[in-house]
């Protein structure tokens, strides 16, 4: 039996069946948000230990730019668009989780007043605070730390970083 061709009856069903069998990737989108002093905003989630960049997991069929914007609105009441992609990190399967694509976007610099008003607005966060890059990096898990290092370098160089588990693959 031959596969249907575009325009044939059953073509859309054929495509839908193929789509259902393809692998799915989990996706997260985080933001680098700075204050007027160049400090970086970190959040302390309530559902895991340690600090993290603000952002979170994408919902079904949600673009990463909208993911980060939605997460910032929900968790911090910040309506900040993703200004540009700083880093894309492929994260290998770990513990119970399949692999994922981690996007890190520049979400800009807050005014002094905006930065002073930032606080958790969702039960998923215990705290949030601005840290100098030197203070922020040791607070993050290793892969997240490398992602932030590369994202900060991308802010300076203008070149997006591509990583595998926080490390350039070439």
N, C-alpha and C. Protein backbone atom coordinates (compact mmCIF):
# COMPACT_ATOMS: atom_id res chain seq x y z
N UNK A 1 0.85 -1.19 0.00
CA UNK A 1 0.00 0.00 0.00
C UNK A 1 0.89 1.24 0.00
N UNK A 2 0.59 2.20 -0.81
CA UNK A 2 1.38 3.43 -0.90
C UNK A 2 0.80 4.49 0.02
N UNK A 3 1.66 5.37 0.45
CA UNK A 3 1.25 6.48 1.30
C UNK A 3 0.48 7.49 0.47
N UNK A 4 -0.51 8.14 1.08
CA UNK A 4 -1.23 9.19 0.34
C UNK A 4 -0.28 10.34 0.03
N UNK A 5 -0.63 11.11 -0.94
CA UNK A 5 0.15 12.28 -1.36
C UNK A 5 -0.64 13.54 -1.01
N UNK A 6 0.05 14.67 -0.95
CA UNK A 6 -0.67 15.92 -0.65
C UNK A 6 -1.87 16.09 -1.56
N UNK A 7 -3.00 16.41 -0.96
CA UNK A 7 -4.24 16.62 -1.70
C UNK A 7 -5.10 15.37 -1.80
N UNK A 8 -4.50 14.18 -1.57
CA UNK A 8 -5.28 12.93 -1.62
C UNK A 8 -6.20 12.85 -0.40
N UNK A 9 -7.34 12.12 -0.53
CA UNK A 9 -8.13 11.82 0.66
C UNK A 9 -7.25 11.06 1.65
N UNK A 10 -7.35 11.39 2.90
CA UNK A 10 -6.56 10.71 3.92
C UNK A 10 -5.20 11.33 4.19
N UNK A 11 -4.82 12.36 3.41
CA UNK A 11 -3.51 13.00 3.59
C UNK A 11 -3.35 13.57 4.99
N UNK A 12 -4.34 14.29 5.49
CA UNK A 12 -4.24 14.90 6.81
C UNK A 12 -4.21 13.82 7.90
N UNK A 13 -4.99 12.76 7.74
CA UNK A 13 -4.94 11.65 8.70
C UNK A 13 -3.55 11.02 8.72
N UNK A 14 -2.96 10.85 7.55
CA UNK A 14 -1.61 10.30 7.43
C UNK A 14 -0.60 11.18 8.18
N UNK A 15 -0.69 12.49 7.98
CA UNK A 15 0.21 13.42 8.67
C UNK A 15 -0.01 13.38 10.18
N UNK A 16 -1.27 13.34 10.62
CA UNK A 16 -1.58 13.31 12.05
C UNK A 16 -1.02 12.06 12.71
N UNK A 17 -1.13 10.94 12.03
CA UNK A 17 -0.59 9.68 12.57
C UNK A 17 0.93 9.77 12.71
N UNK A 18 1.59 10.31 11.71
CA UNK A 18 3.03 10.49 11.79
C UNK A 18 3.43 11.43 12.90
N UNK A 19 2.69 12.51 13.05
CA UNK A 19 2.96 13.48 14.12
C UNK A 19 2.83 12.83 15.49
N UNK A 20 1.83 11.98 15.68
CA UNK A 20 1.59 11.33 16.97
C UNK A 20 2.73 10.38 17.34
N UNK A 21 3.44 9.85 16.35
CA UNK A 21 4.52 8.89 16.63
C UNK A 21 5.88 9.56 16.80
N UNK A 22 6.00 10.82 16.46
CA UNK A 22 7.30 11.50 16.56
C UNK A 22 7.63 11.80 18.02
N UNK A 23 8.93 11.86 18.29
CA UNK A 23 9.40 12.18 19.64
C UNK A 23 8.97 13.60 20.03
N UNK A 24 8.75 13.79 21.30
CA UNK A 24 8.42 15.10 21.84
C UNK A 24 9.58 15.56 22.71
N UNK A 25 9.85 16.84 22.72
CA UNK A 25 10.88 17.41 23.56
C UNK A 25 10.23 18.28 24.62
N UNK A 26 10.70 18.11 25.84
CA UNK A 26 10.32 19.06 26.87
C UNK A 26 11.10 20.34 26.60
N UNK A 27 10.50 21.48 26.93
CA UNK A 27 11.12 22.78 26.68
C UNK A 27 10.93 23.67 27.90
N UNK A 28 12.00 24.37 28.26
CA UNK A 28 11.87 25.40 29.29
C UNK A 28 12.44 26.69 28.73
N UNK A 29 12.02 27.79 29.30
CA UNK A 29 12.49 29.11 28.87
C UNK A 29 12.72 29.97 30.10
N UNK A 30 13.95 30.46 30.23
CA UNK A 30 14.34 31.29 31.36
C UNK A 30 14.75 32.67 30.87
N UNK A 31 14.88 33.58 31.82
CA UNK A 31 15.22 34.97 31.49
C UNK A 31 16.41 35.45 32.30
N UNK A 32 17.25 36.23 31.64
CA UNK A 32 18.25 37.02 32.34
C UNK A 32 17.65 38.41 32.47
N UNK A 33 17.40 38.79 33.72
CA UNK A 33 16.84 40.11 34.03
C UNK A 33 17.85 40.80 34.94
N UNK A 34 18.21 42.02 34.58
CA UNK A 34 19.18 42.75 35.37
C UNK A 34 18.56 44.01 35.97
N UNK A 35 19.20 44.51 37.01
CA UNK A 35 18.79 45.79 37.57
C UNK A 35 19.75 46.86 37.06
N UNK A 36 19.53 48.10 37.49
CA UNK A 36 20.34 49.22 37.00
C UNK A 36 21.81 49.10 37.40
N UNK A 37 22.12 48.23 38.35
CA UNK A 37 23.51 48.04 38.81
C UNK A 37 24.17 46.83 38.15
N UNK A 38 23.46 46.19 37.20
CA UNK A 38 24.02 45.04 36.51
C UNK A 38 23.87 43.73 37.26
N UNK A 39 23.12 43.76 38.36
CA UNK A 39 22.89 42.52 39.10
C UNK A 39 21.83 41.69 38.39
N UNK A 40 21.89 40.37 38.59
CA UNK A 40 21.02 39.41 37.92
C UNK A 40 19.95 38.93 38.90
N UNK A 41 18.71 38.84 38.41
CA UNK A 41 17.61 38.35 39.23
C UNK A 41 17.62 36.83 39.26
N UNK A 42 17.61 36.27 40.47
CA UNK A 42 17.44 34.84 40.68
C UNK A 42 16.19 34.61 41.50
N UNK A 43 15.60 33.43 41.33
CA UNK A 43 14.42 33.05 42.11
C UNK A 43 14.74 31.77 42.89
N UNK A 44 14.08 31.64 44.04
CA UNK A 44 14.22 30.43 44.86
C UNK A 44 12.90 29.67 44.81
N UNK A 45 12.85 28.60 44.02
CA UNK A 45 11.61 27.83 43.91
C UNK A 45 11.25 27.13 45.22
N UNK A 46 9.97 26.94 45.44
CA UNK A 46 9.50 26.23 46.64
C UNK A 46 9.50 24.72 46.44
N UNK A 47 9.58 24.25 45.19
CA UNK A 47 9.45 22.83 44.89
C UNK A 47 10.80 22.12 44.70
N UNK A 48 11.91 22.86 44.85
CA UNK A 48 13.24 22.24 44.79
C UNK A 48 14.21 23.11 45.56
N UNK A 49 15.36 22.55 45.87
CA UNK A 49 16.37 23.28 46.63
C UNK A 49 17.19 24.18 45.71
N UNK A 50 17.63 25.29 46.26
CA UNK A 50 18.53 26.17 45.55
C UNK A 50 17.85 27.27 44.77
N UNK A 51 18.67 28.02 44.05
CA UNK A 51 18.23 29.16 43.27
C UNK A 51 18.18 28.80 41.80
N UNK A 52 17.49 29.63 41.02
CA UNK A 52 17.28 29.36 39.60
C UNK A 52 17.11 30.69 38.88
N UNK A 53 17.23 30.67 37.56
CA UNK A 53 16.83 31.82 36.77
C UNK A 53 15.31 31.87 36.70
N UNK A 54 14.71 33.04 36.61
CA UNK A 54 13.26 33.10 36.46
C UNK A 54 12.83 32.52 35.12
N UNK A 55 11.71 31.83 35.12
CA UNK A 55 11.18 31.20 33.91
C UNK A 55 10.53 29.89 34.27
N UNK A 56 10.42 28.99 33.30
CA UNK A 56 9.80 27.71 33.60
C UNK A 56 9.53 26.88 32.37
N UNK A 57 8.73 25.86 32.57
CA UNK A 57 8.43 24.87 31.54
C UNK A 57 7.35 25.36 30.58
N UNK A 58 7.53 25.03 29.31
CA UNK A 58 6.55 25.40 28.28
C UNK A 58 5.32 24.51 28.39
N UNK A 59 4.19 25.07 28.06
CA UNK A 59 2.96 24.32 27.93
C UNK A 59 2.88 23.78 26.51
N UNK A 60 1.97 22.86 26.25
CA UNK A 60 1.84 22.25 24.94
C UNK A 60 1.69 23.31 23.85
N UNK A 61 2.48 23.20 22.82
CA UNK A 61 2.42 24.06 21.63
C UNK A 61 2.66 25.54 21.92
N UNK A 62 3.34 25.85 23.00
CA UNK A 62 3.63 27.23 23.38
C UNK A 62 5.04 27.61 22.92
N UNK A 63 5.20 28.71 22.20
CA UNK A 63 6.54 29.14 21.80
C UNK A 63 7.37 29.52 23.03
N UNK A 64 8.67 29.26 23.01
CA UNK A 64 9.51 29.60 24.16
C UNK A 64 9.45 31.07 24.56
N UNK A 65 9.32 31.98 23.58
CA UNK A 65 9.23 33.40 23.93
C UNK A 65 7.98 33.69 24.75
N UNK A 66 6.88 33.00 24.45
CA UNK A 66 5.65 33.18 25.23
C UNK A 66 5.76 32.46 26.58
N UNK A 67 6.47 31.34 26.61
CA UNK A 67 6.67 30.62 27.87
C UNK A 67 7.32 31.53 28.90
N UNK A 68 8.43 32.16 28.52
CA UNK A 68 9.14 33.00 29.48
C UNK A 68 8.29 34.19 29.88
N UNK A 69 7.58 34.77 28.95
CA UNK A 69 6.73 35.93 29.27
C UNK A 69 5.61 35.52 30.24
N UNK A 70 4.97 34.37 29.97
CA UNK A 70 3.89 33.88 30.84
C UNK A 70 4.43 33.59 32.24
N UNK A 71 5.55 32.90 32.31
CA UNK A 71 6.12 32.55 33.62
C UNK A 71 6.49 33.79 34.43
N UNK A 72 7.05 34.80 33.78
CA UNK A 72 7.40 36.04 34.49
C UNK A 72 6.15 36.75 35.00
N UNK A 73 5.09 36.73 34.20
CA UNK A 73 3.82 37.34 34.65
C UNK A 73 3.25 36.58 35.84
N UNK A 74 3.19 35.25 35.73
CA UNK A 74 2.57 34.43 36.77
C UNK A 74 3.35 34.47 38.08
N UNK A 75 4.66 34.37 38.01
CA UNK A 75 5.46 34.20 39.22
C UNK A 75 5.97 35.50 39.82
N UNK A 76 6.15 36.55 38.98
CA UNK A 76 6.74 37.79 39.47
C UNK A 76 5.94 39.04 39.11
N UNK A 77 4.82 38.88 38.43
CA UNK A 77 3.99 40.01 37.97
C UNK A 77 4.80 40.98 37.11
N UNK A 78 5.75 40.44 36.33
CA UNK A 78 6.53 41.24 35.39
C UNK A 78 6.06 40.91 33.98
N UNK A 79 5.77 41.94 33.20
CA UNK A 79 5.38 41.73 31.80
C UNK A 79 6.54 42.20 30.93
N UNK A 80 7.48 41.28 30.71
CA UNK A 80 8.69 41.59 29.97
C UNK A 80 8.80 40.68 28.75
N UNK A 81 8.93 41.25 27.58
CA UNK A 81 9.13 40.39 26.40
C UNK A 81 10.55 39.86 26.34
N UNK A 82 10.69 38.71 25.72
CA UNK A 82 12.03 38.17 25.43
C UNK A 82 12.64 39.06 24.36
N UNK A 83 13.76 39.68 24.67
CA UNK A 83 14.37 40.62 23.72
C UNK A 83 15.25 39.92 22.70
N UNK A 84 15.99 38.90 23.13
CA UNK A 84 16.75 38.09 22.18
C UNK A 84 17.22 36.82 22.87
N UNK A 85 17.49 35.82 22.05
CA UNK A 85 17.96 34.55 22.56
C UNK A 85 19.44 34.66 22.91
N UNK A 86 19.77 34.32 24.17
CA UNK A 86 21.16 34.35 24.61
C UNK A 86 21.80 32.97 24.53
N UNK A 87 21.00 31.94 24.84
CA UNK A 87 21.56 30.61 24.97
C UNK A 87 20.49 29.57 24.68
N UNK A 88 20.90 28.50 24.00
CA UNK A 88 20.06 27.32 23.81
C UNK A 88 20.89 26.13 24.28
N UNK A 89 20.37 25.40 25.25
CA UNK A 89 21.09 24.28 25.86
C UNK A 89 20.27 23.01 25.74
N UNK A 90 20.87 21.98 25.10
CA UNK A 90 20.25 20.66 25.08
C UNK A 90 20.69 19.96 26.36
N UNK A 91 19.71 19.54 27.16
CA UNK A 91 19.98 18.89 28.44
C UNK A 91 19.66 17.41 28.30
N UNK A 92 20.65 16.57 28.54
CA UNK A 92 20.50 15.12 28.40
C UNK A 92 19.50 14.57 29.42
N UNK A 93 18.95 13.39 29.15
CA UNK A 93 18.07 12.76 30.15
C UNK A 93 18.79 12.66 31.49
N UNK A 94 18.05 12.88 32.56
CA UNK A 94 18.62 12.81 33.90
C UNK A 94 17.53 12.41 34.88
N UNK A 95 17.91 11.56 35.84
CA UNK A 95 17.00 11.02 36.84
C UNK A 95 15.71 10.55 36.15
N UNK A 96 14.52 11.01 36.53
CA UNK A 96 13.34 10.47 35.84
C UNK A 96 12.99 11.21 34.55
N UNK A 97 13.76 12.23 34.20
CA UNK A 97 13.36 13.14 33.13
C UNK A 97 14.00 12.78 31.80
N UNK A 98 13.21 12.95 30.73
CA UNK A 98 13.74 12.87 29.37
C UNK A 98 14.56 14.13 29.10
N UNK A 99 15.20 14.17 27.94
CA UNK A 99 15.98 15.35 27.58
C UNK A 99 15.06 16.55 27.40
N UNK A 100 15.68 17.73 27.35
CA UNK A 100 14.91 18.95 27.14
C UNK A 100 15.75 19.99 26.45
N UNK A 101 15.08 20.97 25.88
CA UNK A 101 15.72 22.14 25.31
C UNK A 101 15.48 23.32 26.26
N UNK A 102 16.57 23.93 26.71
CA UNK A 102 16.50 25.05 27.65
C UNK A 102 16.89 26.33 26.91
N UNK A 103 15.96 27.24 26.78
CA UNK A 103 16.18 28.54 26.15
C UNK A 103 16.44 29.57 27.25
N UNK A 104 17.39 30.46 27.03
CA UNK A 104 17.61 31.58 27.94
C UNK A 104 17.55 32.86 27.11
N UNK A 105 16.64 33.74 27.50
CA UNK A 105 16.41 35.00 26.78
C UNK A 105 16.84 36.19 27.62
N UNK A 106 17.26 37.24 26.95
CA UNK A 106 17.48 38.53 27.59
C UNK A 106 16.11 39.17 27.78
N UNK A 107 15.76 39.49 29.02
CA UNK A 107 14.50 40.17 29.28
C UNK A 107 14.74 41.61 29.72
N UNK A 108 15.97 42.09 29.55
CA UNK A 108 16.24 43.50 29.75
C UNK A 108 16.67 43.89 31.15
N UNK A 109 16.71 45.20 31.33
CA UNK A 109 17.15 45.81 32.58
C UNK A 109 15.98 46.57 33.19
N UNK A 110 15.72 46.31 34.46
CA UNK A 110 14.64 47.00 35.16
C UNK A 110 15.12 48.33 35.71
N UNK A 111 14.21 49.27 35.81
CA UNK A 111 14.52 50.53 36.48
C UNK A 111 14.68 50.24 37.97
N UNK A 112 15.21 51.20 38.69
CA UNK A 112 15.39 51.04 40.13
C UNK A 112 14.05 50.78 40.81
N UNK A 113 13.01 51.49 40.39
CA UNK A 113 11.67 51.29 40.97
C UNK A 113 11.10 49.92 40.65
N UNK A 114 11.26 49.48 39.41
CA UNK A 114 10.76 48.15 39.03
C UNK A 114 11.48 47.07 39.83
N UNK A 115 12.79 47.19 39.93
CA UNK A 115 13.57 46.18 40.65
C UNK A 115 13.18 46.12 42.12
N UNK A 116 12.93 47.28 42.73
CA UNK A 116 12.55 47.31 44.14
C UNK A 116 11.19 46.66 44.39
N UNK A 117 10.34 46.65 43.38
CA UNK A 117 8.99 46.10 43.53
C UNK A 117 8.90 44.60 43.24
N UNK A 118 9.96 44.00 42.72
CA UNK A 118 9.92 42.58 42.35
C UNK A 118 9.84 41.73 43.61
N UNK A 119 8.83 40.85 43.62
CA UNK A 119 8.69 39.88 44.71
C UNK A 119 7.88 38.70 44.18
N UNK A 120 8.00 37.54 44.81
CA UNK A 120 7.23 36.37 44.36
C UNK A 120 5.73 36.65 44.42
N UNK A 121 5.02 36.22 43.39
CA UNK A 121 3.56 36.41 43.32
C UNK A 121 2.85 35.08 43.16
N UNK A 122 3.56 33.98 43.39
CA UNK A 122 3.04 32.65 43.12
C UNK A 122 3.62 31.71 44.17
N UNK A 123 2.87 30.68 44.55
CA UNK A 123 3.36 29.75 45.57
C UNK A 123 4.54 28.91 45.10
N UNK A 124 4.88 28.96 43.81
CA UNK A 124 6.04 28.21 43.30
C UNK A 124 7.36 28.85 43.71
N UNK A 125 7.33 30.10 44.18
CA UNK A 125 8.56 30.79 44.57
C UNK A 125 8.54 31.15 46.05
N UNK A 126 9.68 30.88 46.71
CA UNK A 126 9.86 31.29 48.10
C UNK A 126 10.46 32.68 48.19
N UNK A 127 11.35 32.99 47.24
CA UNK A 127 12.07 34.26 47.30
C UNK A 127 12.59 34.63 45.92
N UNK A 128 13.01 35.87 45.81
CA UNK A 128 13.72 36.35 44.63
C UNK A 128 14.63 37.48 45.09
N UNK A 129 15.75 37.61 44.40
CA UNK A 129 16.70 38.65 44.77
C UNK A 129 17.65 38.91 43.62
N UNK A 130 18.24 40.10 43.62
CA UNK A 130 19.25 40.46 42.63
C UNK A 130 20.62 40.19 43.24
N UNK A 131 21.51 39.60 42.42
CA UNK A 131 22.86 39.28 42.84
C UNK A 131 23.83 39.73 41.76
N UNK A 132 25.02 40.14 42.18
CA UNK A 132 26.05 40.39 41.19
C UNK A 132 26.32 39.06 40.49
N UNK A 133 26.82 39.08 39.26
CA UNK A 133 27.12 37.81 38.60
C UNK A 133 28.05 36.92 39.44
N UNK A 134 29.04 37.51 40.10
CA UNK A 134 29.95 36.72 40.93
C UNK A 134 29.23 36.07 42.11
N UNK A 135 28.23 36.73 42.65
CA UNK A 135 27.43 36.15 43.74
C UNK A 135 26.43 35.13 43.22
N UNK A 136 25.85 35.40 42.04
CA UNK A 136 24.79 34.55 41.49
C UNK A 136 25.30 33.18 41.05
N UNK A 137 26.42 33.16 40.37
CA UNK A 137 26.89 31.91 39.76
C UNK A 137 27.05 30.76 40.76
N UNK A 138 27.67 30.96 41.93
CA UNK A 138 27.81 29.83 42.86
C UNK A 138 26.50 29.35 43.47
N UNK A 139 25.45 30.16 43.38
CA UNK A 139 24.15 29.76 43.94
C UNK A 139 23.39 28.79 43.04
N UNK A 140 23.82 28.68 41.79
CA UNK A 140 23.09 27.87 40.81
C UNK A 140 23.69 26.47 40.69
N UNK A 141 22.84 25.49 40.33
CA UNK A 141 23.38 24.15 40.03
C UNK A 141 24.34 24.24 38.85
N UNK A 142 25.27 23.28 38.71
CA UNK A 142 26.32 23.39 37.69
C UNK A 142 25.85 23.69 36.27
N UNK A 143 24.88 22.95 35.75
CA UNK A 143 24.45 23.19 34.36
C UNK A 143 23.81 24.57 34.22
N UNK A 144 23.02 24.96 35.20
CA UNK A 144 22.38 26.29 35.18
C UNK A 144 23.45 27.38 35.30
N UNK A 145 24.46 27.14 36.12
CA UNK A 145 25.57 28.09 36.27
C UNK A 145 26.27 28.30 34.92
N UNK A 146 26.57 27.22 34.22
CA UNK A 146 27.24 27.33 32.92
C UNK A 146 26.34 28.05 31.91
N UNK A 147 25.04 27.77 31.99
CA UNK A 147 24.08 28.44 31.10
C UNK A 147 24.09 29.95 31.36
N UNK A 148 24.09 30.36 32.63
CA UNK A 148 24.12 31.79 32.95
C UNK A 148 25.45 32.41 32.52
N UNK A 149 26.57 31.71 32.75
CA UNK A 149 27.87 32.24 32.32
C UNK A 149 27.86 32.52 30.81
N UNK A 150 27.37 31.57 30.04
CA UNK A 150 27.35 31.72 28.58
C UNK A 150 26.35 32.79 28.16
N UNK A 151 25.24 32.92 28.89
CA UNK A 151 24.25 33.95 28.58
C UNK A 151 24.81 35.34 28.84
N UNK A 152 25.53 35.49 29.94
CA UNK A 152 26.15 36.79 30.23
C UNK A 152 27.21 37.12 29.17
N UNK A 153 27.96 36.13 28.74
CA UNK A 153 28.95 36.36 27.67
C UNK A 153 28.24 36.76 26.38
N UNK A 154 27.08 36.15 26.10
CA UNK A 154 26.31 36.48 24.90
C UNK A 154 25.79 37.91 24.95
N UNK A 155 25.47 38.40 26.14
CA UNK A 155 25.05 39.80 26.26
C UNK A 155 26.16 40.73 25.78
N UNK A 156 27.40 40.39 26.10
CA UNK A 156 28.54 41.23 25.71
C UNK A 156 28.93 41.03 24.25
N UNK A 157 28.94 39.78 23.79
CA UNK A 157 29.45 39.49 22.45
C UNK A 157 28.40 39.62 21.36
N UNK A 158 27.12 39.49 21.73
CA UNK A 158 26.06 39.49 20.73
C UNK A 158 25.89 38.15 20.04
N UNK A 159 26.65 37.14 20.45
CA UNK A 159 26.57 35.81 19.83
C UNK A 159 25.85 34.84 20.75
N UNK A 160 24.77 34.25 20.23
CA UNK A 160 24.00 33.26 20.97
C UNK A 160 24.86 32.03 21.23
N UNK A 161 24.77 31.47 22.43
CA UNK A 161 25.51 30.26 22.79
C UNK A 161 24.64 29.04 22.54
N UNK A 162 25.24 28.00 21.99
CA UNK A 162 24.59 26.70 21.85
C UNK A 162 25.38 25.70 22.68
N UNK A 163 24.68 25.01 23.58
CA UNK A 163 25.33 24.14 24.55
C UNK A 163 24.71 22.75 24.59
N UNK A 164 25.47 21.80 25.10
CA UNK A 164 24.97 20.47 25.48
C UNK A 164 25.30 20.32 26.96
N UNK A 165 24.28 20.26 27.79
CA UNK A 165 24.48 20.19 29.24
C UNK A 165 25.37 21.31 29.76
N UNK A 166 25.18 22.50 29.21
CA UNK A 166 25.91 23.67 29.68
C UNK A 166 27.29 23.84 29.08
N UNK A 167 27.67 22.97 28.15
CA UNK A 167 29.02 23.01 27.57
C UNK A 167 28.92 23.10 26.05
N UNK A 168 29.72 23.96 25.40
CA UNK A 168 29.69 24.00 23.93
C UNK A 168 30.07 22.62 23.37
N UNK A 169 29.32 22.12 22.37
CA UNK A 169 29.62 20.78 21.86
C UNK A 169 30.81 20.73 20.92
N UNK A 170 31.35 21.87 20.50
CA UNK A 170 32.50 21.88 19.62
C UNK A 170 33.54 22.85 20.10
